[in-house]
Structure formats: structure tokens, C-alpha cells
Protein backbone atom coordinates (compact mmCIF):
# COMPACT_ATOMS: atom_id res chain seq x y z
CA MET A 1 0.00 0.00 0.00
CA TYR A 2 1.01 3.65 0.22
CA ARG A 3 3.43 5.08 2.78
CA ASN A 4 1.66 8.44 2.85
CA LYS A 5 -1.70 6.85 3.63
CA TRP A 6 -2.43 9.35 6.44
CA LEU A 7 -1.90 12.28 4.08
CA ILE A 8 -4.21 10.61 1.56
CA LEU A 9 -6.83 10.11 4.27
CA GLY A 10 -6.47 13.72 5.41
CA ALA A 11 -6.87 15.11 1.89
CA VAL A 12 -9.93 12.98 1.15
CA SER A 13 -11.44 13.71 4.57
CA LEU A 14 -11.21 17.47 3.99
CA ALA A 15 -13.21 17.06 0.79
CA LEU A 16 -15.76 14.81 2.52
CA PHE A 17 -16.07 17.32 5.36
CA MET A 18 -16.84 20.12 2.89
CA GLY A 19 -19.49 18.10 1.08
CA THR A 20 -21.17 17.04 4.32
CA VAL A 21 -21.15 20.50 5.88
CA ASP A 22 -22.76 21.96 2.78
CA SER A 23 -25.62 19.48 2.94
CA THR A 24 -26.61 20.82 6.39
CA ILE A 25 -25.31 24.40 6.60
CA VAL A 26 -27.94 25.81 4.23
CA ASN A 27 -30.96 24.87 6.36
CA VAL A 28 -30.25 27.52 8.98
CA ALA A 29 -30.02 30.20 6.27
CA LEU A 30 -33.40 29.50 4.63
CA PRO A 31 -35.44 32.06 6.65
CA THR A 32 -32.87 34.76 5.83
CA MET A 33 -32.94 33.82 2.14
CA VAL A 34 -36.75 34.02 2.07
CA ALA A 35 -36.54 37.63 3.25
CA ASP A 36 -33.59 38.61 1.01
CA PHE A 37 -35.10 37.15 -2.16
CA ASN A 38 -38.66 38.15 -1.24
CA THR A 39 -39.82 34.61 -1.97
CA ASN A 40 -41.79 31.88 -0.16
CA PHE A 41 -41.08 28.52 1.46
CA PRO A 42 -42.28 26.30 -1.44
CA THR A 43 -39.71 28.06 -3.65
CA ILE A 44 -36.83 28.33 -1.19
CA GLN A 45 -37.05 24.64 -0.24
CA TRP A 46 -35.72 23.85 -3.73
CA VAL A 47 -32.38 25.30 -2.61
CA VAL A 48 -32.15 22.18 -0.44
CA LEU A 49 -34.02 19.77 -2.71
CA ALA A 50 -31.98 20.60 -5.83
CA PHE A 51 -28.78 19.71 -3.97
CA LEU A 52 -30.24 16.51 -2.49
CA LEU A 53 -31.73 15.28 -5.76
CA GLY A 54 -28.65 16.05 -7.85
CA LEU A 55 -26.40 14.42 -5.27
CA SER A 56 -28.45 11.24 -5.07
CA VAL A 57 -29.17 10.75 -8.78
CA LEU A 58 -25.52 11.09 -9.85
CA MET A 59 -23.72 8.99 -7.23
CA LEU A 60 -24.01 5.64 -9.00
CA SER A 61 -22.97 7.01 -12.39
CA VAL A 62 -20.02 8.79 -10.80
CA GLY A 63 -18.89 5.58 -9.13
CA ARG A 64 -19.02 3.71 -12.43
CA LEU A 65 -17.12 6.43 -14.30
CA ALA A 66 -14.44 6.40 -11.60
CA ASP A 67 -13.96 2.64 -12.01
CA MET A 68 -13.51 3.21 -15.75
CA LEU A 69 -11.47 6.43 -15.88
CA GLY A 70 -9.73 6.61 -12.51
CA LYS A 71 -10.88 7.68 -9.06
CA LYS A 72 -8.42 10.52 -8.56
CA ARG A 73 -9.32 12.11 -11.90
CA ILE A 74 -13.06 12.16 -11.12
CA PHE A 75 -12.46 13.24 -7.51
CA LEU A 76 -10.38 16.23 -8.63
CA LEU A 77 -13.06 17.15 -11.17
CA GLY A 78 -15.58 16.99 -8.34
CA LEU A 79 -13.54 19.42 -6.24
CA VAL A 80 -13.34 21.88 -9.14
CA ILE A 81 -17.09 21.71 -9.83
CA PHE A 82 -18.00 21.90 -6.13
CA THR A 83 -15.75 24.90 -5.50
CA ALA A 84 -16.97 26.73 -8.61
CA GLY A 85 -20.57 25.91 -7.72
CA SER A 86 -20.03 27.30 -4.22
CA ALA A 87 -18.77 30.59 -5.66
CA LEU A 88 -21.78 30.77 -7.98
CA CYS A 89 -24.13 30.14 -5.04
CA GLY A 90 -22.62 33.04 -3.11
CA LEU A 91 -22.91 35.35 -6.12
CA SER A 92 -26.50 34.39 -6.98
CA PRO A 93 -28.67 37.51 -7.58
CA THR A 94 -32.00 35.63 -7.56
CA VAL A 95 -33.39 32.54 -5.88
CA TYR A 96 -33.67 30.75 -9.23
CA VAL A 97 -30.00 31.33 -10.00
CA LEU A 98 -29.20 30.02 -6.52
CA ILE A 99 -31.21 26.86 -7.16
CA ALA A 100 -29.36 26.31 -10.45
CA ALA A 101 -26.01 26.93 -8.73
CA ARG A 102 -26.92 24.43 -6.00
CA LEU A 103 -27.59 21.86 -8.71
CA ILE A 104 -24.12 22.51 -10.14
CA GLN A 105 -22.67 22.25 -6.66
CA SER A 106 -24.42 18.90 -6.15
CA ILE A 107 -22.63 17.45 -9.21
CA GLY A 108 -19.29 18.09 -7.55
CA ALA A 109 -20.54 16.89 -4.17
CA ALA A 110 -21.70 13.62 -5.74
CA MET A 111 -18.18 12.99 -7.03
CA LEU A 112 -16.70 13.68 -3.60
CA LEU A 113 -19.13 11.74 -1.42
CA ALA A 114 -19.41 8.78 -3.81
CA LEU A 115 -15.65 8.26 -4.19
CA GLY A 116 -14.15 9.19 -0.83
CA VAL A 117 -14.74 5.74 0.67
CA ALA A 118 -13.45 4.03 -2.50
CA ILE A 119 -10.18 5.99 -2.46
CA VAL A 120 -9.61 5.28 1.23
CA THR A 121 -10.35 1.57 0.71
CA GLU A 122 -7.90 1.26 -2.18
CA THR A 123 -5.05 3.18 -0.56
CA TRP A 124 -5.12 1.58 2.90
CA PRO A 125 -4.14 -2.04 3.67
CA SER A 126 -7.08 -4.36 4.30
CA ALA A 127 -5.85 -5.00 7.86
CA GLU A 128 -6.39 -1.29 8.66
CA ARG A 129 -9.38 -0.60 6.44
CA GLY A 130 -11.83 -0.40 9.35
CA LYS A 131 -9.76 2.25 11.12
CA ALA A 132 -9.45 4.38 7.98
CA LEU A 133 -13.14 4.12 7.08
CA GLY A 134 -14.01 4.83 10.72
CA PHE A 135 -12.00 8.03 10.55
CA SER A 136 -13.79 9.14 7.38
CA ALA A 137 -17.16 8.26 8.93
CA GLY A 138 -16.21 10.35 11.95
CA VAL A 139 -15.37 13.29 9.70
CA ILE A 140 -18.77 13.02 7.99
CA SER A 141 -20.52 12.95 11.39
CA LEU A 142 -18.51 15.97 12.48
CA GLY A 143 -19.61 17.79 9.34
CA ILE A 144 -23.24 17.15 10.26
CA VAL A 145 -22.65 18.82 13.65
CA VAL A 146 -20.56 21.72 12.36
CA GLY A 147 -22.90 22.66 9.48
CA PRO A 148 -25.82 24.27 11.34
CA THR A 149 -23.58 25.81 14.03
CA ALA A 150 -21.13 27.31 11.54
CA GLY A 151 -24.00 28.50 9.38
CA GLY A 152 -25.56 30.41 12.24
CA LEU A 153 -22.27 32.04 13.22
CA ILE A 154 -21.40 33.03 9.64
CA ILE A 155 -24.84 34.52 8.96
CA ASN A 156 -24.76 36.53 12.19
CA ALA A 157 -21.24 37.85 11.52
CA LEU A 158 -21.45 38.35 7.73
CA SER A 159 -24.33 37.23 5.49
CA TRP A 160 -25.77 34.03 4.02
CA HIS A 161 -23.55 34.45 0.93
CA TRP A 162 -20.51 33.54 3.02
CA ILE A 163 -21.76 30.06 3.90
CA PHE A 164 -20.90 29.35 0.25
CA PHE A 165 -17.86 31.61 -0.17
CA VAL A 166 -16.10 29.85 2.72
CA ASN A 167 -15.94 26.72 0.54
CA VAL A 168 -13.72 28.42 -2.03
CA PRO A 169 -10.45 28.53 -0.02
CA LEU A 170 -11.24 25.15 1.56
CA GLY A 171 -11.92 23.69 -1.88
CA LEU A 172 -8.65 25.03 -3.28
CA LEU A 173 -6.76 23.61 -0.28
CA ALA A 174 -8.40 20.21 -0.75
CA LEU A 175 -7.68 20.35 -4.49
CA ILE A 176 -3.97 20.92 -3.87
CA ALA A 177 -3.83 18.21 -1.20
CA VAL A 178 -5.60 15.59 -3.32
CA TRP A 179 -3.52 16.43 -6.40
CA ARG A 180 -0.31 16.22 -4.34
CA TYR A 181 -0.91 13.15 -2.17
CA VAL A 182 -3.56 10.89 -3.70
CA PRO A 183 -2.06 8.41 -6.21
CA PRO A 184 -3.53 8.15 -9.75
CA LEU A 185 -5.62 5.01 -9.02
CA THR A 186 -6.17 4.61 -12.76
CA PRO A 187 -7.28 1.21 -14.13
CA LYS A 188 -4.38 -0.56 -15.86
CA SER A 189 -6.49 -1.36 -18.91
CA ASN A 190 -10.15 -0.65 -19.42
CA HIS A 191 -11.97 -1.02 -22.71
CA GLU A 192 -15.43 -1.00 -21.14
CA GLN A 193 -18.14 1.39 -22.27
CA PHE A 194 -20.42 3.45 -20.09
CA ASP A 195 -23.99 2.18 -19.85
CA PHE A 196 -25.87 5.38 -20.75
CA LEU A 197 -29.25 3.64 -21.06
CA GLY A 198 -28.99 1.98 -17.66
CA ALA A 199 -27.72 5.18 -16.06
CA GLY A 200 -30.61 7.17 -17.54
CA VAL A 201 -33.29 4.71 -16.44
CA PHE A 202 -31.80 4.50 -12.95
CA ALA A 203 -31.65 8.29 -12.66
CA VAL A 204 -35.29 8.66 -13.73
CA GLY A 205 -36.43 6.00 -11.25
CA LEU A 206 -34.44 7.37 -8.33
CA LEU A 207 -35.53 10.93 -9.08
CA ALA A 208 -39.18 9.82 -9.17
CA LEU A 209 -38.80 7.96 -5.87
CA LEU A 210 -37.09 10.84 -4.07
CA LEU A 211 -39.59 13.39 -5.40
CA GLY A 212 -42.45 11.14 -4.32
CA LEU A 213 -41.04 10.70 -0.82
CA THR A 214 -40.29 14.41 -0.45
CA VAL A 215 -43.31 16.09 -2.05
CA GLY A 216 -45.64 13.43 -0.65
CA GLN A 217 -45.01 14.80 2.83
CA THR A 218 -46.65 18.06 1.71
CA ILE A 219 -49.54 17.00 -0.52
CA GLY A 220 -50.18 13.51 0.89
CA PHE A 221 -48.96 10.10 -0.27
CA GLY A 222 -52.42 9.24 -1.56
CA ASP A 223 -52.31 12.03 -4.13
CA PRO A 224 -52.49 10.64 -7.71
CA ARG A 225 -49.35 12.57 -8.68
CA ILE A 226 -47.36 10.93 -5.89
CA LEU A 227 -48.72 7.48 -6.75
CA ALA A 228 -47.70 8.10 -10.37
CA LEU A 229 -44.17 8.97 -9.24
CA PHE A 230 -43.94 5.77 -7.19
CA GLY A 231 -45.28 3.80 -10.15
CA LEU A 232 -42.64 5.35 -12.41
CA ALA A 233 -39.96 4.44 -9.86
CA ALA A 234 -41.13 0.81 -9.74
CA VAL A 235 -41.26 0.48 -13.54
CA SER A 236 -37.81 2.08 -13.82
CA LEU A 237 -36.37 -0.42 -11.32
CA VAL A 238 -37.70 -3.38 -13.32
CA LEU A 239 -36.38 -1.89 -16.57
CA PHE A 240 -33.02 -1.13 -14.99
CA ILE A 241 -32.54 -4.71 -13.81
CA ALA A 242 -33.55 -6.03 -17.24
CA ILE A 243 -31.10 -3.68 -18.97
CA GLU A 244 -28.23 -4.54 -16.63
CA GLN A 245 -28.75 -8.27 -17.27
CA ARG A 246 -28.49 -7.80 -21.02
CA VAL A 247 -25.86 -5.15 -21.76
CA ARG A 248 -22.22 -6.14 -22.19
CA PHE A 249 -20.89 -3.53 -19.78
CA PRO A 250 -23.57 -2.90 -17.13
CA MET A 251 -23.39 0.12 -14.88
CA VAL A 252 -24.00 -2.12 -11.86
CA ASP A 253 -22.58 -5.62 -11.79
CA LEU A 254 -25.59 -7.48 -10.36
CA ASN A 255 -23.29 -10.33 -9.33
CA LEU A 256 -22.21 -8.09 -6.45
CA PHE A 257 -25.54 -8.81 -4.79
CA ARG A 258 -24.87 -12.55 -4.84
CA ASN A 259 -22.25 -11.89 -2.20
CA LEU A 260 -24.26 -12.02 1.03
CA GLN A 261 -21.64 -10.00 2.91
CA PHE A 262 -22.16 -7.17 0.44
CA SER A 263 -25.94 -7.27 0.03
CA LEU A 264 -26.93 -7.98 3.65
CA ASN A 265 -24.62 -5.33 5.09
CA LEU A 266 -25.85 -2.83 2.50
CA ALA A 267 -29.48 -3.55 3.44
CA THR A 268 -28.76 -3.45 7.17
CA GLY A 269 -26.99 -0.12 6.81
CA ALA A 270 -29.94 1.32 4.89
CA LEU A 271 -32.36 0.23 7.64
CA THR A 272 -30.27 1.89 10.35
CA PHE A 273 -30.34 5.15 8.40
CA VAL A 274 -34.13 4.85 8.00
CA ALA A 275 -34.45 4.58 11.78
CA ILE A 276 -31.99 7.28 12.82
CA ALA A 277 -33.19 9.79 10.21
CA ALA A 278 -36.76 9.33 11.41
CA VAL A 279 -35.74 9.97 15.00
CA VAL A 280 -33.61 13.00 14.14
CA PHE A 281 -36.51 14.43 12.11
CA LEU A 282 -39.03 14.15 14.96
CA LEU A 283 -36.88 15.07 17.97
CA PRO A 284 -36.68 18.85 17.34
CA PHE A 285 -40.50 18.97 17.46
CA TYR A 286 -40.44 17.00 20.71
CA LEU A 287 -37.82 19.26 22.30
CA GLU A 288 -39.49 22.51 21.25
CA LEU A 289 -43.16 21.57 21.66
CA ALA A 290 -43.20 18.94 24.43
CA LEU A 291 -40.28 20.17 26.54
CA SER A 292 -40.64 23.87 25.58
CA LEU A 293 -36.90 24.33 25.11
CA PRO A 294 -35.40 27.32 23.24
CA VAL A 295 -34.08 26.75 19.71
CA ALA A 296 -30.44 27.32 20.74
CA GLN A 297 -30.65 24.59 23.38
CA VAL A 298 -32.37 22.26 20.93
CA GLY A 299 -29.42 22.61 18.56
CA ILE A 300 -26.95 21.76 21.31
CA LEU A 301 -28.94 18.72 22.45
CA MET A 302 -29.33 17.44 18.89
CA ALA A 303 -25.55 17.56 18.41
CA SER A 304 -24.97 14.86 21.04
CA THR A 305 -25.52 11.88 18.74
CA PRO A 306 -23.33 13.02 15.78
CA LEU A 307 -20.55 13.94 18.22
CA VAL A 308 -20.55 10.41 19.63
CA LEU A 309 -20.49 9.05 16.07
CA ALA A 310 -17.48 11.22 15.26
CA VAL A 311 -15.58 9.95 18.31
CA LEU A 312 -16.47 6.26 18.05
CA GLY A 313 -16.08 5.87 14.28
CA PRO A 314 -12.28 5.39 14.27
CA LEU A 315 -12.38 3.33 17.48
CA SER A 316 -14.99 0.85 16.25
CA GLY A 317 -13.19 0.63 12.92
CA SER A 318 -9.96 -0.32 14.68
CA LEU A 319 -11.82 -2.92 16.75
CA SER A 320 -13.26 -4.45 13.58
CA ASP A 321 -9.74 -4.71 12.12
CA ARG A 322 -8.73 -6.72 15.17
CA PHE A 323 -11.81 -8.82 15.93
CA GLY A 324 -13.63 -8.88 12.59
CA THR A 325 -16.48 -6.81 11.19
CA ARG A 326 -19.33 -9.16 12.13
CA PRO A 327 -19.01 -9.28 15.95
CA VAL A 328 -18.44 -5.53 16.25
CA SER A 329 -21.39 -4.79 13.94
CA VAL A 330 -23.68 -7.11 15.90
CA ILE A 331 -22.69 -5.46 19.18
CA GLY A 332 -23.39 -2.06 17.64
CA LEU A 333 -26.83 -3.17 16.42
CA ALA A 334 -27.66 -4.59 19.86
CA ILE A 335 -26.72 -1.32 21.58
CA LEU A 336 -28.64 0.64 18.94
CA THR A 337 -31.78 -1.46 19.51
CA VAL A 338 -31.57 -0.96 23.28
CA GLY A 339 -31.04 2.75 22.66
CA TYR A 340 -34.26 3.04 20.66
CA LEU A 341 -36.18 1.10 23.31
CA VAL A 342 -34.87 3.39 26.05
CA ALA A 343 -35.58 6.49 23.92
CA SER A 344 -39.20 5.37 23.58
CA THR A 345 -39.65 6.07 27.31
CA MET A 346 -39.20 9.84 26.83
CA ASN A 347 -42.22 11.97 27.73
CA ALA A 348 -43.13 15.55 28.64
CA THR A 349 -41.31 15.27 31.99
CA THR A 350 -37.96 14.12 30.55
CA THR A 351 -35.10 16.42 31.53
CA PRO A 352 -32.43 17.62 29.08
CA LEU A 353 -29.93 15.35 30.87
CA GLY A 354 -32.30 12.41 30.48
CA PHE A 355 -32.60 13.20 26.78
CA ILE A 356 -28.82 13.33 26.32
CA LEU A 357 -28.29 10.01 28.13
CA ARG A 358 -30.86 8.27 25.93
CA MET A 359 -29.46 9.76 22.72
CA LEU A 360 -25.90 8.92 23.73
CA LEU A 361 -26.90 5.26 23.77
CA ILE A 362 -28.23 5.55 20.21
CA GLY A 363 -25.05 7.37 19.20
CA VAL A 364 -22.86 4.66 20.73
CA GLY A 365 -24.79 1.93 18.93
CA MET A 366 -24.66 3.68 15.56
CA GLY A 367 -21.02 4.63 16.09
CA VAL A 368 -20.00 1.05 16.88
CA PHE A 369 -22.02 -0.38 13.98
CA GLN A 370 -21.34 1.98 11.08
CA SER A 371 -17.57 1.69 10.53
CA PRO A 372 -17.30 -2.13 10.54
CA ASN A 373 -20.42 -2.36 8.38
CA ASN A 374 -18.91 0.00 5.80
CA SER A 375 -15.66 -1.95 5.96
CA ALA A 376 -17.50 -5.22 5.32
CA ILE A 377 -19.32 -3.75 2.30
CA MET A 378 -16.18 -2.34 0.71
CA GLY A 379 -14.17 -5.45 1.55
CA ALA A 380 -16.67 -7.60 -0.33
CA ALA A 381 -16.32 -5.59 -3.56
CA PRO A 382 -13.55 -6.41 -6.07
CA ARG A 383 -10.96 -3.70 -6.63
CA ASN A 384 -12.27 -2.81 -10.09
CA ARG A 385 -15.74 -2.23 -8.61
CA LEU A 386 -14.81 -0.11 -5.57
CA GLY A 387 -16.18 3.06 -7.17
CA ILE A 388 -19.61 1.60 -7.85
CA ALA A 389 -19.67 -0.05 -4.40
CA SER A 390 -18.85 3.27 -2.76
CA GLY A 391 -21.56 4.97 -4.81
CA MET A 392 -24.11 2.36 -3.76
CA LEU A 393 -23.11 2.80 -0.13
CA SER A 394 -23.72 6.54 -0.41
CA ILE A 395 -27.07 6.05 -2.18
CA THR A 396 -28.36 3.66 0.49
CA ARG A 397 -27.52 6.28 3.11
CA THR A 398 -29.44 8.99 1.22
CA LEU A 399 -32.38 6.70 0.43
CA GLY A 400 -32.53 5.47 4.01
CA GLN A 401 -32.58 8.98 5.39
CA THR A 402 -35.20 10.19 2.91
CA THR A 403 -37.41 7.15 3.48
CA GLY A 404 -37.14 7.44 7.26
CA ILE A 405 -38.16 11.10 7.23
CA ALA A 406 -41.04 10.40 4.83
CA LEU A 407 -42.39 7.45 6.83
CA LEU A 408 -42.23 9.15 10.20
CA GLY A 409 -43.51 12.40 8.72
CA ALA A 410 -46.54 10.55 7.38
CA LEU A 411 -47.15 8.77 10.69
CA PHE A 412 -46.67 12.00 12.65
CA ALA A 413 -49.11 13.93 10.45
CA SER A 414 -51.62 11.08 10.61
CA ALA A 415 -51.40 10.91 14.41
CA LEU A 416 -51.86 14.67 14.76
CA SER A 417 -54.93 14.68 12.53
CA ILE A 418 -56.46 11.72 14.37
CA TYR A 419 -55.94 13.31 17.78
CA ALA A 420 -57.40 16.52 16.40
CA GLY A 421 -60.47 14.60 15.23
CA GLN A 422 -59.80 15.35 11.57
CA PRO A 423 -59.61 12.87 8.69
CA THR A 424 -56.25 12.31 7.01
CA ASP A 425 -55.40 11.42 3.42
CA ILE A 426 -52.04 9.90 4.30
């Protein structure tokens, strides 16, 4: 492997940190943007949705291109696009230009978030893969915590434009570091062709699914338009599988799913993100409405779980290198299950300390589980498929989070309407 593996990990982690921070930092600026652009919430929410949709739809294609053309080459291109997109976001004169700039930014972010894990996996020895992936997972968790806090501080001190401008020097620094320290990672010989048909069908299906899950929370999942989107997603999935079985160079090698270590760990990881995203979505309402806590305190309390993830990621990864991924993952899942059971005992009399203790248990479980699970997934993929495996890992995280929020949002809205004595269409 490579002697400068820590420098490689540091360069990649800086890029991952930027991409993660930017997926959360914008939320705190939305009210300010509504006033500055003299717009409304249905319009301004597309500043977030454009980034999320572009990020999700492109990850798989990016992973495949990286396996064909070289991971470093695509990763560097991602840094250039992300940095340029950030500058365009900060300079946007209208909300519609900002939405377009966020879409450009998401293209670069997809290249970063889809390939970071693949680069780390290929440049670190297999005996230390868990530790390296744990470190990168910790950086991503730290980005989730830093995003809203940094966004609030920057907006108070300067303006919302600077939550994007700050990415420019960081992006240039990451660009230099990746160019200097990350090896080429170019396939020795590759005469494969890109599966444009499969990529297009997959993108249409995933876009329809994500739009259905997102917009359905507003207009109801029983709305004919939402049902049509889900139908389009289902048809696209069937077509995609049929295409991948017939083309000479499929975008996704379906044989990967015959490896139980790969497919089961991928599915388990997705389910954990469904659960934790649902909880994170509902808890701010609980803290503000049930416990009557101020917004500033809510933000601090919500940071407890990602902070634990950031600390435990490298530790659990190192433990999986020593004892194997399966036992550490199982222990993490057991702790996570207990954490959810304990969290279900929260009520209107729960103290902030009681909340933190319950959420710490969830954070410990997720922190212990995530790194060895990621290591098992990447370890099951052949070297010439690391890019696509990394892209699939990123997509399952996004899909899990989106599905969790949609499911709990639907249940929450249904419960509220029932308790209010009103019918619901969800």
C-alpha cells in the first residue's frame, strides 16, 4: 500500500467534510434567504431539494465512471465543480439562479461523497481498512454537527452568501492536497463502455422515488401525482434490472448482490439510516413543543448523537480490524436497539440530561455499527468495482434517510390529525 496513507486520508477527509457541511449548513439560512429574495417557502425549499436530488441521482454514475477512468481524476473534477458551484451560489442575484447553482454544486458533491470511501479503501491495507473508514465516517458525522452551528455564526457575523464563499479557499486547499498526495488510481487497462441507457433509467427512477417521498409529505402520499411517481420508480427499477442483465458492460454488476456479505450489510446499513433519520426528524419537534426548550438549546442537544459518532467511528473501525467486522457490527446493532427502546420512554417530563443520556446510547450503537459495516461492504467488492460499491453505499444512506423522514412524517401527520379529530389522506 502507500506510505503516505495518512496524508491521503487527510486530503480525502477534507473534501468529505466540505461536502457534508454543505448538505446541512444551508438549512439555517433559509429564513434569511426568504426575506432577502422576497420569496416563499415552497420556492426556497428547492435550494435544499436541488442539492439533495442532484447528489443522489448522480452517485451511482459517478462511481461507475471512476472505475472506468480513474478515481483521482473524477475526484479532482468533483472538487473543481463543487468549488466553482459554491462561488456561484454566493454570487446568486435571484433565488432561481441560486437553485441552479446548488444543482451545479451537487454534481461536484456527488463525485466527492461517492468516491471518498473508495479511495480510502484502495489506498489503505485491508488490515487497517476499518480504522481508515471509521476516521472518514467520523469526519462526515462531524460535518453534520458543524454545518448548522457554523451557518448560524457566519450569517450573524457576515451574510448568508458567506456560507458558500467559505468553501472556495477550503476547496482550493483540498484540491492541492488531493492532487499532491492521492495516487492516480487509474485502471491498468479498461476497454469497457459506459452504460448510458442503464444510467438514464436508474436516474429517472431514483428521481421519481425521491420526489415522491419528499413532495408526498406536503400533498399527501395518496395524491395521484405521488402514486404516479412511485409507479414510475417501480417500472424504472424493473427496466433497470432487465437492462443490466443484457448489456455487455452494465453500470452495476448485479453479481455483487450474490455476495451475502455485500448485500446484507448494505441492506442493514440502509435500515439503520431509516431509523436514525426518522428519530432526528421528529426530535426537534419533541424538544421545542413537548419540553418547551429554546431553539439554541435544541441545537446543542441534537448535536450529542453526531458527536458520539465522530468519536467512536475510528475506534470501532480499529476494533473491527482486530476482531472482525461481524461481531463488532452485531454489538453495535444490539446497543442501537436498546437505545431506541430506552428512547421510547421519553415523555413531557424528561429532563435535558435524560434526553442526552438516551441519545448517547443511540449514538454509541450507531457509532460502533457503522464503521465495521462500511468496511464489510467495501471489503466484499472487487478492486475494479470499488467506485460503484462506494456509490451504492452513499445512495443507500441517502435513500434510508429520505425514506425514514417520509415514513415518520406521514405517521406523525396522521397521528396529529387523528388526535385533532380530523380525517387524514395519508
